[in-house]
Amino acid sequence: MGADEGRADAIRTLDRELFRDYLDELEERAPRIERYVGMLRAAPNDLELVAGLFRAFHNLKGDAALCRYPFGVEVAHQLETLLMRVREGRLRFTAMLAEAMLLALDRLERAAQAHYDREPVVGLRLPVLLEELRAMAEARAEAVEDAAARMIERVSGFRPAQAGREAPAAPTPASRGADLTFFSGLALQLEQRSPLFQGRTARVLHLARSINEVAGRPVDPLQLEAAVYMHDVGMMFLAEPVWLKPGRLSPADLAELRRHPAYAAGLLERMSGWDEAARIVAQHHEMPSGQGYPRALAGDAICPGAKLMAIVDAFEAVTLKQTHRGQSRSMLRAAAEVNAAEQQFAAEWIAPFNQVVRGLLEA
């Protein structure tokens, strides 16, 4: 296509029927790409997501090549190169890289439509976009963040706020309170997705706090509260048919479901002062036996708060399944299942758990 992407006749040689098919594919794939990027911002170490995003751009590159659209091939190729580096562990996926990719996708969509309509595209700064994408793809790992910021500024005209330039301010009581309000709001949004979830957050929080108190507060109460609010928020990054599906899950659905701890933990990791809560959320489906997920951690590799959260989460889930038996019987059945699952839960939390549940039953 050459450097002069602004000329209206730059792609008059395109096969318009094939190019129309490409536009349709681009329109269909773009929301999926945006979803992948959003999930990766929350879970940047999820290699399955990286691979999925790579495949999406690879397919777009193939579609662009089929209809002989060099601009589309070049944009997809440079993004594919960056993702290859991420997949190989040579580059970290950051919020800045995510923004740069979304901007490139936006320009690709707008340029392709304008080219099909034979309209000028000078304002999209496409030669600059290609120049900066090549620079990003070829930059040393430590320079990619700056290259992404420069690309965003040169193409959009706006300077992005760059993460990591200054140490974040230490969280204050006021900021912690605001964060907890935000986390609680997300938990309540999750509750609204199903009648079964209503009141769940308050029940889990009360039980977790009580057990932690009986055990002598080995877990910071604020970190525990944040983890209770956030531990299942990652579900909202998944397609609803996966996590609201009745009955047995397929292997593919189960694999998708098991990603949810990383999404919510990723959000906490990006907020100052919530590192312990992030660990609790990330590990709350791990088991002392090493048979949990997502990392099959075992024993002391699992933080105390995650061990507590695992018990509380399981107790709530079994109680809900047994609600037809009445509150007391459903709680007894859930407590019995927790006590019987010796390999699933940490032994040091069982006695405090039993003490709190007995108190609830007596009340």
Protein backbone atom coordinates (compact mmCIF):
# COMPACT_ATOMS: atom_id res chain seq x y z
CA MET A 1 0.00 0.00 0.00
CA GLY A 2 2.99 2.30 0.46
CA ALA A 3 3.43 5.20 2.85
CA ASP A 4 0.59 7.28 1.47
CA GLU A 5 -2.38 5.64 3.21
CA GLY A 6 -4.25 8.96 2.92
CA ARG A 7 -4.93 8.65 -0.79
CA ALA A 8 -8.51 7.60 -1.52
CA ASP A 9 -7.35 5.40 -4.42
CA ALA A 10 -4.71 3.57 -2.38
CA ILE A 11 -6.66 0.28 -2.40
CA ARG A 12 -8.69 0.46 -5.58
CA THR A 13 -7.11 -2.83 -6.63
CA LEU A 14 -8.75 -4.69 -3.73
CA ASP A 15 -11.26 -7.42 -4.53
CA ARG A 16 -14.28 -5.74 -2.96
CA GLU A 17 -16.19 -8.98 -2.41
CA LEU A 18 -13.28 -10.55 -0.55
CA PHE A 19 -12.69 -7.31 1.31
CA ARG A 20 -16.33 -7.22 2.41
CA ASP A 21 -15.83 -10.69 3.89
CA TYR A 22 -12.74 -9.39 5.69
CA LEU A 23 -14.71 -6.49 7.14
CA ASP A 24 -17.36 -8.89 8.40
CA GLU A 25 -14.71 -11.09 10.04
CA LEU A 26 -13.07 -8.05 11.60
CA GLU A 27 -16.39 -6.86 13.00
CA GLU A 28 -17.06 -10.31 14.44
CA ARG A 29 -13.58 -10.83 15.94
CA ALA A 30 -13.02 -7.33 17.38
CA PRO A 31 -15.32 -7.75 20.45
CA ARG A 32 -13.68 -11.10 21.20
CA ILE A 33 -10.24 -9.48 21.01
CA GLU A 34 -11.34 -6.67 23.31
CA ARG A 35 -12.63 -9.27 25.78
CA TYR A 36 -9.33 -11.16 25.68
CA VAL A 37 -7.39 -7.94 26.28
CA GLY A 38 -9.64 -7.03 29.21
CA MET A 39 -9.19 -10.44 30.80
CA LEU A 40 -5.43 -10.30 30.28
CA ARG A 41 -5.25 -6.95 32.04
CA ALA A 42 -6.71 -8.71 35.06
CA ALA A 43 -4.68 -11.92 34.63
CA PRO A 44 -1.51 -11.02 32.66
CA ASN A 45 0.16 -14.36 33.38
CA ASP A 46 -2.62 -16.49 31.90
CA LEU A 47 -0.86 -18.11 28.95
CA GLU A 48 -4.09 -19.60 27.61
CA LEU A 49 -5.50 -16.10 27.23
CA VAL A 50 -2.29 -14.94 25.56
CA ALA A 51 -2.55 -17.87 23.13
CA GLY A 52 -6.19 -17.06 22.42
CA LEU A 53 -5.40 -13.43 21.68
CA PHE A 54 -2.45 -14.48 19.50
CA ARG A 55 -4.72 -16.79 17.48
CA ALA A 56 -7.27 -14.03 17.02
CA PHE A 57 -4.69 -11.67 15.50
CA HIS A 58 -3.14 -14.51 13.50
CA ASN A 59 -6.52 -15.28 11.95
CA LEU A 60 -7.06 -11.61 11.15
CA LYS A 61 -3.67 -11.53 9.46
CA GLY A 62 -4.63 -14.52 7.34
CA ASP A 63 -7.93 -12.90 6.39
CA ALA A 64 -6.16 -9.67 5.41
CA ALA A 65 -3.61 -11.59 3.33
CA LEU A 66 -6.40 -13.47 1.54
CA CYS A 67 -7.98 -10.25 0.31
CA ARG A 68 -4.56 -8.61 -0.29
CA TYR A 69 -4.93 -5.88 2.30
CA PRO A 70 -1.33 -5.05 3.32
CA PHE A 71 -2.24 -2.61 6.08
CA GLY A 72 -4.33 -5.25 7.84
CA VAL A 73 -1.55 -7.82 7.46
CA GLU A 74 1.06 -5.46 8.90
CA VAL A 75 -0.97 -4.36 11.95
CA ALA A 76 -1.91 -7.92 12.86
CA HIS A 77 1.66 -9.13 12.29
CA GLN A 78 3.22 -6.60 14.67
CA LEU A 79 0.65 -7.34 17.39
CA GLU A 80 1.20 -11.04 16.84
CA THR A 81 4.96 -10.51 17.30
CA LEU A 82 4.42 -8.74 20.61
CA LEU A 83 2.15 -11.51 21.86
CA MET A 84 4.68 -14.14 20.81
CA ARG A 85 7.20 -12.43 23.09
CA VAL A 86 4.66 -12.42 25.93
CA ARG A 87 3.89 -16.10 25.38
CA GLU A 88 7.59 -16.98 25.46
CA GLY A 89 8.08 -15.07 28.71
CA ARG A 90 10.31 -12.41 27.10
CA LEU A 91 7.82 -9.59 27.62
CA ARG A 92 5.33 -8.68 30.34
CA PHE A 93 1.73 -7.94 29.39
CA THR A 94 0.93 -4.56 30.94
CA ALA A 95 -1.99 -2.13 31.01
CA MET A 96 -0.03 0.15 28.65
CA LEU A 97 0.50 -2.65 26.15
CA ALA A 98 -3.21 -3.47 26.40
CA GLU A 99 -4.14 0.15 25.60
CA ALA A 100 -1.78 0.20 22.64
CA MET A 101 -3.29 -3.00 21.24
CA LEU A 102 -6.83 -1.68 21.61
CA LEU A 103 -5.87 1.56 19.88
CA ALA A 104 -4.30 -0.40 17.00
CA LEU A 105 -7.45 -2.53 16.71
CA ASP A 106 -9.62 0.59 16.66
CA ARG A 107 -7.51 2.16 13.90
CA LEU A 108 -7.61 -1.08 11.92
CA GLU A 109 -11.41 -1.21 12.10
CA ARG A 110 -11.80 2.45 11.12
CA ALA A 111 -9.20 2.27 8.36
CA ALA A 112 -10.64 -0.89 6.81
CA GLN A 113 -14.13 0.61 6.66
CA ALA A 114 -12.80 3.86 5.18
CA HIS A 115 -10.74 1.97 2.62
CA TYR A 116 -13.75 -0.09 1.61
CA ASP A 117 -15.82 3.09 1.27
CA ARG A 118 -12.91 4.78 -0.60
CA GLU A 119 -12.81 7.62 1.89
CA PRO A 120 -9.70 9.54 3.06
CA VAL A 121 -7.94 8.22 6.16
CA VAL A 122 -5.38 10.96 6.76
CA GLY A 123 -6.72 11.77 10.24
CA LEU A 124 -6.12 8.21 11.44
CA ARG A 125 -2.31 8.65 11.18
CA LEU A 126 -1.86 5.19 9.79
CA PRO A 127 1.80 5.57 8.68
CA VAL A 128 2.63 6.72 12.22
CA LEU A 129 0.74 3.75 13.66
CA LEU A 130 2.73 1.28 11.55
CA GLU A 131 6.01 3.00 12.39
CA GLU A 132 5.34 2.86 16.12
CA LEU A 133 4.01 -0.71 16.06
CA ARG A 134 7.23 -1.84 14.39
CA ALA A 135 9.23 0.04 17.01
CA MET A 136 7.26 -1.64 19.80
CA ALA A 137 7.68 -5.10 18.30
CA GLU A 138 11.46 -4.62 17.95
CA ALA A 139 12.10 -2.78 21.24
CA ARG A 140 13.95 -4.34 24.14
CA ALA A 141 11.57 -5.66 26.81
CA GLU A 142 12.34 -2.81 29.21
CA ALA A 143 11.63 -0.24 26.47
CA VAL A 144 8.28 -1.60 25.23
CA GLU A 145 6.29 0.30 27.86
CA ASP A 146 7.75 3.62 26.70
CA ALA A 147 7.27 2.65 23.06
CA ALA A 148 3.62 1.82 23.70
CA ALA A 149 3.06 5.15 25.45
CA ARG A 150 4.74 6.98 22.57
CA MET A 151 2.59 5.17 20.02
CA ILE A 152 -0.59 6.08 21.88
CA GLU A 153 0.45 9.73 22.11
CA ARG A 154 1.53 10.05 18.47
CA VAL A 155 -1.53 8.29 17.06
CA SER A 156 -4.25 9.61 19.38
CA GLY A 157 -2.74 12.96 20.38
CA PHE A 158 -3.14 12.16 24.09
CA ARG A 159 -0.34 11.36 26.50
CA PRO A 160 -1.23 8.27 28.56
CA ALA A 161 -0.49 8.09 32.26
CA GLN A 162 2.46 5.72 32.59
CA ALA A 163 2.39 3.15 35.34
CA GLY A 164 5.48 2.46 37.35
CA ARG A 165 7.10 5.90 37.07
CA GLU A 166 6.55 6.75 40.71
CA ALA A 167 6.01 4.59 43.75
CA PRO A 168 2.31 4.57 44.63
CA ALA A 169 1.31 6.47 47.73
CA ALA A 170 0.75 4.34 50.82
CA PRO A 171 -2.94 3.61 51.30
CA THR A 172 -4.69 5.72 53.93
CA PRO A 173 -7.65 4.66 56.09
CA ALA A 174 -9.89 6.76 53.85
CA SER A 175 -8.58 5.14 50.67
CA ARG A 176 -8.91 1.67 52.19
CA GLY A 177 -12.51 2.43 53.09
CA ALA A 178 -13.20 3.65 49.56
CA ASP A 179 -11.60 0.51 48.14
CA LEU A 180 -13.70 -1.76 50.36
CA THR A 181 -16.84 0.09 49.28
CA PHE A 182 -15.82 -0.50 45.66
CA PHE A 183 -15.11 -4.21 46.30
CA SER A 184 -18.42 -4.60 48.11
CA GLY A 185 -20.22 -3.01 45.16
CA LEU A 186 -18.68 -5.54 42.79
CA ALA A 187 -19.74 -8.39 45.08
CA LEU A 188 -23.31 -7.09 45.15
CA GLN A 189 -23.32 -6.89 41.34
CA LEU A 190 -22.35 -10.57 41.30
CA GLU A 191 -25.20 -11.36 43.71
CA GLN A 192 -27.69 -9.85 41.28
CA ARG A 193 -26.81 -12.41 38.59
CA SER A 194 -28.71 -15.22 40.33
CA PRO A 195 -31.38 -15.50 43.07
CA LEU A 196 -29.18 -18.14 44.74
CA PHE A 197 -26.47 -15.54 45.37
CA GLN A 198 -28.62 -13.05 47.26
CA GLY A 199 -27.27 -12.39 50.75
CA ARG A 200 -24.26 -14.60 50.05
CA THR A 201 -21.64 -11.89 50.58
CA ALA A 202 -22.91 -10.98 54.06
CA ARG A 203 -23.10 -14.64 55.10
CA VAL A 204 -19.60 -15.46 53.91
CA LEU A 205 -18.14 -12.30 55.45
CA HIS A 206 -19.72 -12.98 58.83
CA LEU A 207 -18.50 -16.59 58.87
CA ALA A 208 -14.97 -15.72 57.72
CA ARG A 209 -14.62 -12.91 60.26
CA SER A 210 -15.92 -15.09 63.08
CA ILE A 211 -13.58 -17.98 62.32
CA ASN A 212 -10.63 -15.61 62.03
CA GLU A 213 -11.50 -14.07 65.41
CA VAL A 214 -11.77 -17.46 67.14
CA ALA A 215 -8.40 -18.46 65.66
CA GLY A 216 -6.75 -15.31 67.05
CA ARG A 217 -6.78 -13.17 63.88
CA PRO A 218 -3.95 -14.84 61.94
CA VAL A 219 -5.32 -13.06 58.85
CA ASP A 220 -5.48 -9.28 58.62
CA PRO A 221 -9.24 -8.48 58.97
CA LEU A 222 -9.26 -5.83 56.22
CA GLN A 223 -7.42 -8.08 53.78
CA LEU A 224 -9.85 -10.87 54.60
CA GLU A 225 -12.83 -8.60 54.06
CA ALA A 226 -11.51 -7.50 50.66
CA ALA A 227 -10.90 -11.14 49.70
CA VAL A 228 -14.44 -12.14 50.68
CA TYR A 229 -15.87 -9.41 48.46
CA MET A 230 -13.60 -10.21 45.53
CA HIS A 231 -13.04 -13.97 45.59
CA ASP A 232 -15.71 -14.76 42.99
CA VAL A 233 -15.89 -11.43 41.15
CA GLY A 234 -13.73 -13.00 38.43
CA MET A 235 -16.82 -15.01 37.45
CA MET A 236 -18.16 -11.88 35.79
CA PHE A 237 -15.29 -12.05 33.27
CA LEU A 238 -16.65 -15.40 32.07
CA ALA A 239 -19.58 -16.09 29.79
CA GLU A 240 -22.67 -16.45 31.98
CA PRO A 241 -23.66 -19.86 30.56
CA VAL A 242 -20.42 -21.24 32.01
CA TRP A 243 -20.83 -20.23 35.65
CA LEU A 244 -24.62 -20.13 35.85
CA LYS A 245 -25.03 -23.44 34.04
CA PRO A 246 -27.14 -25.98 35.96
CA GLY A 247 -25.90 -29.54 36.19
CA ARG A 248 -22.53 -31.03 35.32
CA LEU A 249 -19.97 -28.84 33.51
CA SER A 250 -18.16 -30.01 30.40
CA PRO A 251 -14.34 -30.22 30.55
CA ALA A 252 -14.12 -27.03 28.48
CA ASP A 253 -16.53 -25.19 30.79
CA LEU A 254 -14.61 -26.42 33.83
CA ALA A 255 -11.31 -25.19 32.40
CA GLU A 256 -12.88 -21.79 31.74
CA LEU A 257 -14.39 -21.65 35.22
CA ARG A 258 -11.03 -22.33 36.84
CA ARG A 259 -9.66 -19.07 35.49
CA HIS A 260 -11.87 -16.92 37.70
CA PRO A 261 -9.52 -16.59 40.72
CA ALA A 262 -6.78 -15.06 38.58
CA TYR A 263 -9.06 -12.36 37.16
CA ALA A 264 -10.14 -10.94 40.52
CA ALA A 265 -6.65 -11.38 42.01
CA GLY A 266 -5.25 -9.42 39.08
CA LEU A 267 -7.53 -6.50 39.88
CA LEU A 268 -6.41 -6.49 43.53
CA GLU A 269 -2.73 -6.69 42.56
CA ARG A 270 -3.09 -3.44 40.66
CA MET A 271 -4.46 -1.58 43.66
CA SER A 272 -2.04 -0.40 46.30
CA GLY A 273 -2.17 -2.13 49.66
CA TRP A 274 -4.15 -5.27 48.79
CA ASP A 275 -1.38 -7.79 48.11
CA GLU A 276 -2.51 -10.22 50.81
CA ALA A 277 -6.11 -10.08 49.63
CA ALA A 278 -4.86 -10.81 46.10
CA ARG A 279 -3.02 -13.91 47.33
CA ILE A 280 -6.12 -15.11 49.21
CA VAL A 281 -8.28 -14.72 46.11
CA ALA A 282 -5.73 -16.31 43.79
CA GLN A 283 -5.28 -19.34 46.07
CA HIS A 284 -8.73 -19.93 47.54
CA HIS A 285 -9.31 -23.03 45.39
CA GLU A 286 -5.92 -24.56 46.18
CA MET A 287 -5.78 -27.60 48.52
CA PRO A 288 -3.18 -28.63 51.10
CA SER A 289 -2.91 -31.94 49.23
CA GLY A 290 -1.82 -30.15 46.04
CA GLN A 291 -4.95 -31.18 44.13
CA GLY A 292 -6.48 -27.73 43.85
CA TYR A 293 -6.24 -25.06 41.15
CA PRO A 294 -5.02 -22.98 39.41
CA ARG A 295 -1.41 -23.77 40.42
CA ALA A 296 -1.74 -27.03 42.39
CA LEU A 297 -0.06 -25.44 45.42
CA ALA A 298 0.33 -27.56 48.54
CA GLY A 299 0.81 -27.15 52.28
CA ASP A 300 2.52 -23.95 53.42
CA ALA A 301 2.70 -22.62 49.86
CA ILE A 302 -0.95 -21.65 50.36
CA CYS A 303 -1.46 -18.53 52.47
CA PRO A 304 -3.54 -18.82 55.70
CA GLY A 305 -6.30 -16.58 54.40
CA ALA A 306 -6.80 -18.75 51.32
CA LYS A 307 -7.08 -21.86 53.50
CA LEU A 308 -9.77 -20.13 55.54
CA MET A 309 -11.53 -18.83 52.45
CA ALA A 310 -11.63 -22.33 50.94
CA ILE A 311 -13.54 -23.67 53.97
CA VAL A 312 -15.99 -20.78 54.09
CA ASP A 313 -16.62 -20.89 50.34
CA ALA A 314 -17.26 -24.65 50.40
CA PHE A 315 -19.53 -24.39 53.46
CA GLU A 316 -21.65 -21.74 51.74
CA ALA A 317 -21.86 -23.77 48.52
CA VAL A 318 -23.00 -26.97 50.28
CA THR A 319 -25.46 -25.04 52.48
CA LEU A 320 -27.10 -23.60 49.37
CA LYS A 321 -27.42 -27.05 47.79
CA GLN A 322 -29.13 -28.35 50.92
CA THR A 323 -31.53 -25.44 51.56
CA HIS A 324 -34.53 -27.70 50.92
CA ARG A 325 -33.66 -29.47 54.20
CA GLY A 326 -34.14 -26.28 56.25
CA GLN A 327 -31.48 -23.94 57.60
CA SER A 328 -30.25 -26.02 60.56
CA ARG A 329 -30.09 -29.32 58.66
CA SER A 330 -28.41 -27.71 55.66
CA MET A 331 -25.76 -26.16 57.94
CA LEU A 332 -25.20 -29.49 59.69
CA ARG A 333 -24.83 -31.28 56.36
CA ALA A 334 -22.36 -28.63 55.12
CA ALA A 335 -20.33 -28.76 58.33
CA ALA A 336 -20.20 -32.56 58.12
CA GLU A 337 -18.90 -32.41 54.55
CA VAL A 338 -16.18 -29.91 55.52
CA ASN A 339 -15.04 -32.12 58.39
CA ALA A 340 -15.05 -35.23 56.20
CA ALA A 341 -12.88 -33.67 53.45
CA GLU A 342 -9.54 -34.11 55.22
CA GLN A 343 -7.43 -33.70 52.06
CA GLN A 344 -9.29 -30.64 50.85
CA PHE A 345 -9.02 -28.27 53.83
CA ALA A 346 -6.28 -27.14 56.21
CA ALA A 347 -6.52 -28.95 59.55
CA GLU A 348 -5.60 -25.85 61.59
CA TRP A 349 -8.81 -24.10 60.53
CA ILE A 350 -11.24 -26.96 61.23
CA ALA A 351 -11.50 -26.48 65.03
CA PRO A 352 -12.22 -22.70 64.79
CA PHE A 353 -14.70 -23.43 61.99
CA ASN A 354 -16.54 -26.04 64.10
CA GLN A 355 -16.68 -23.70 67.09
CA VAL A 356 -18.28 -20.91 65.03
CA VAL A 357 -20.77 -23.23 63.33
CA ARG A 358 -21.85 -24.68 66.69
CA GLY A 359 -22.47 -21.15 67.89
CA LEU A 360 -24.57 -20.40 64.81
CA LEU A 361 -26.64 -23.55 65.30
CA GLU A 362 -27.22 -22.80 68.97
CA ALA A 363 -28.28 -19.27 68.11
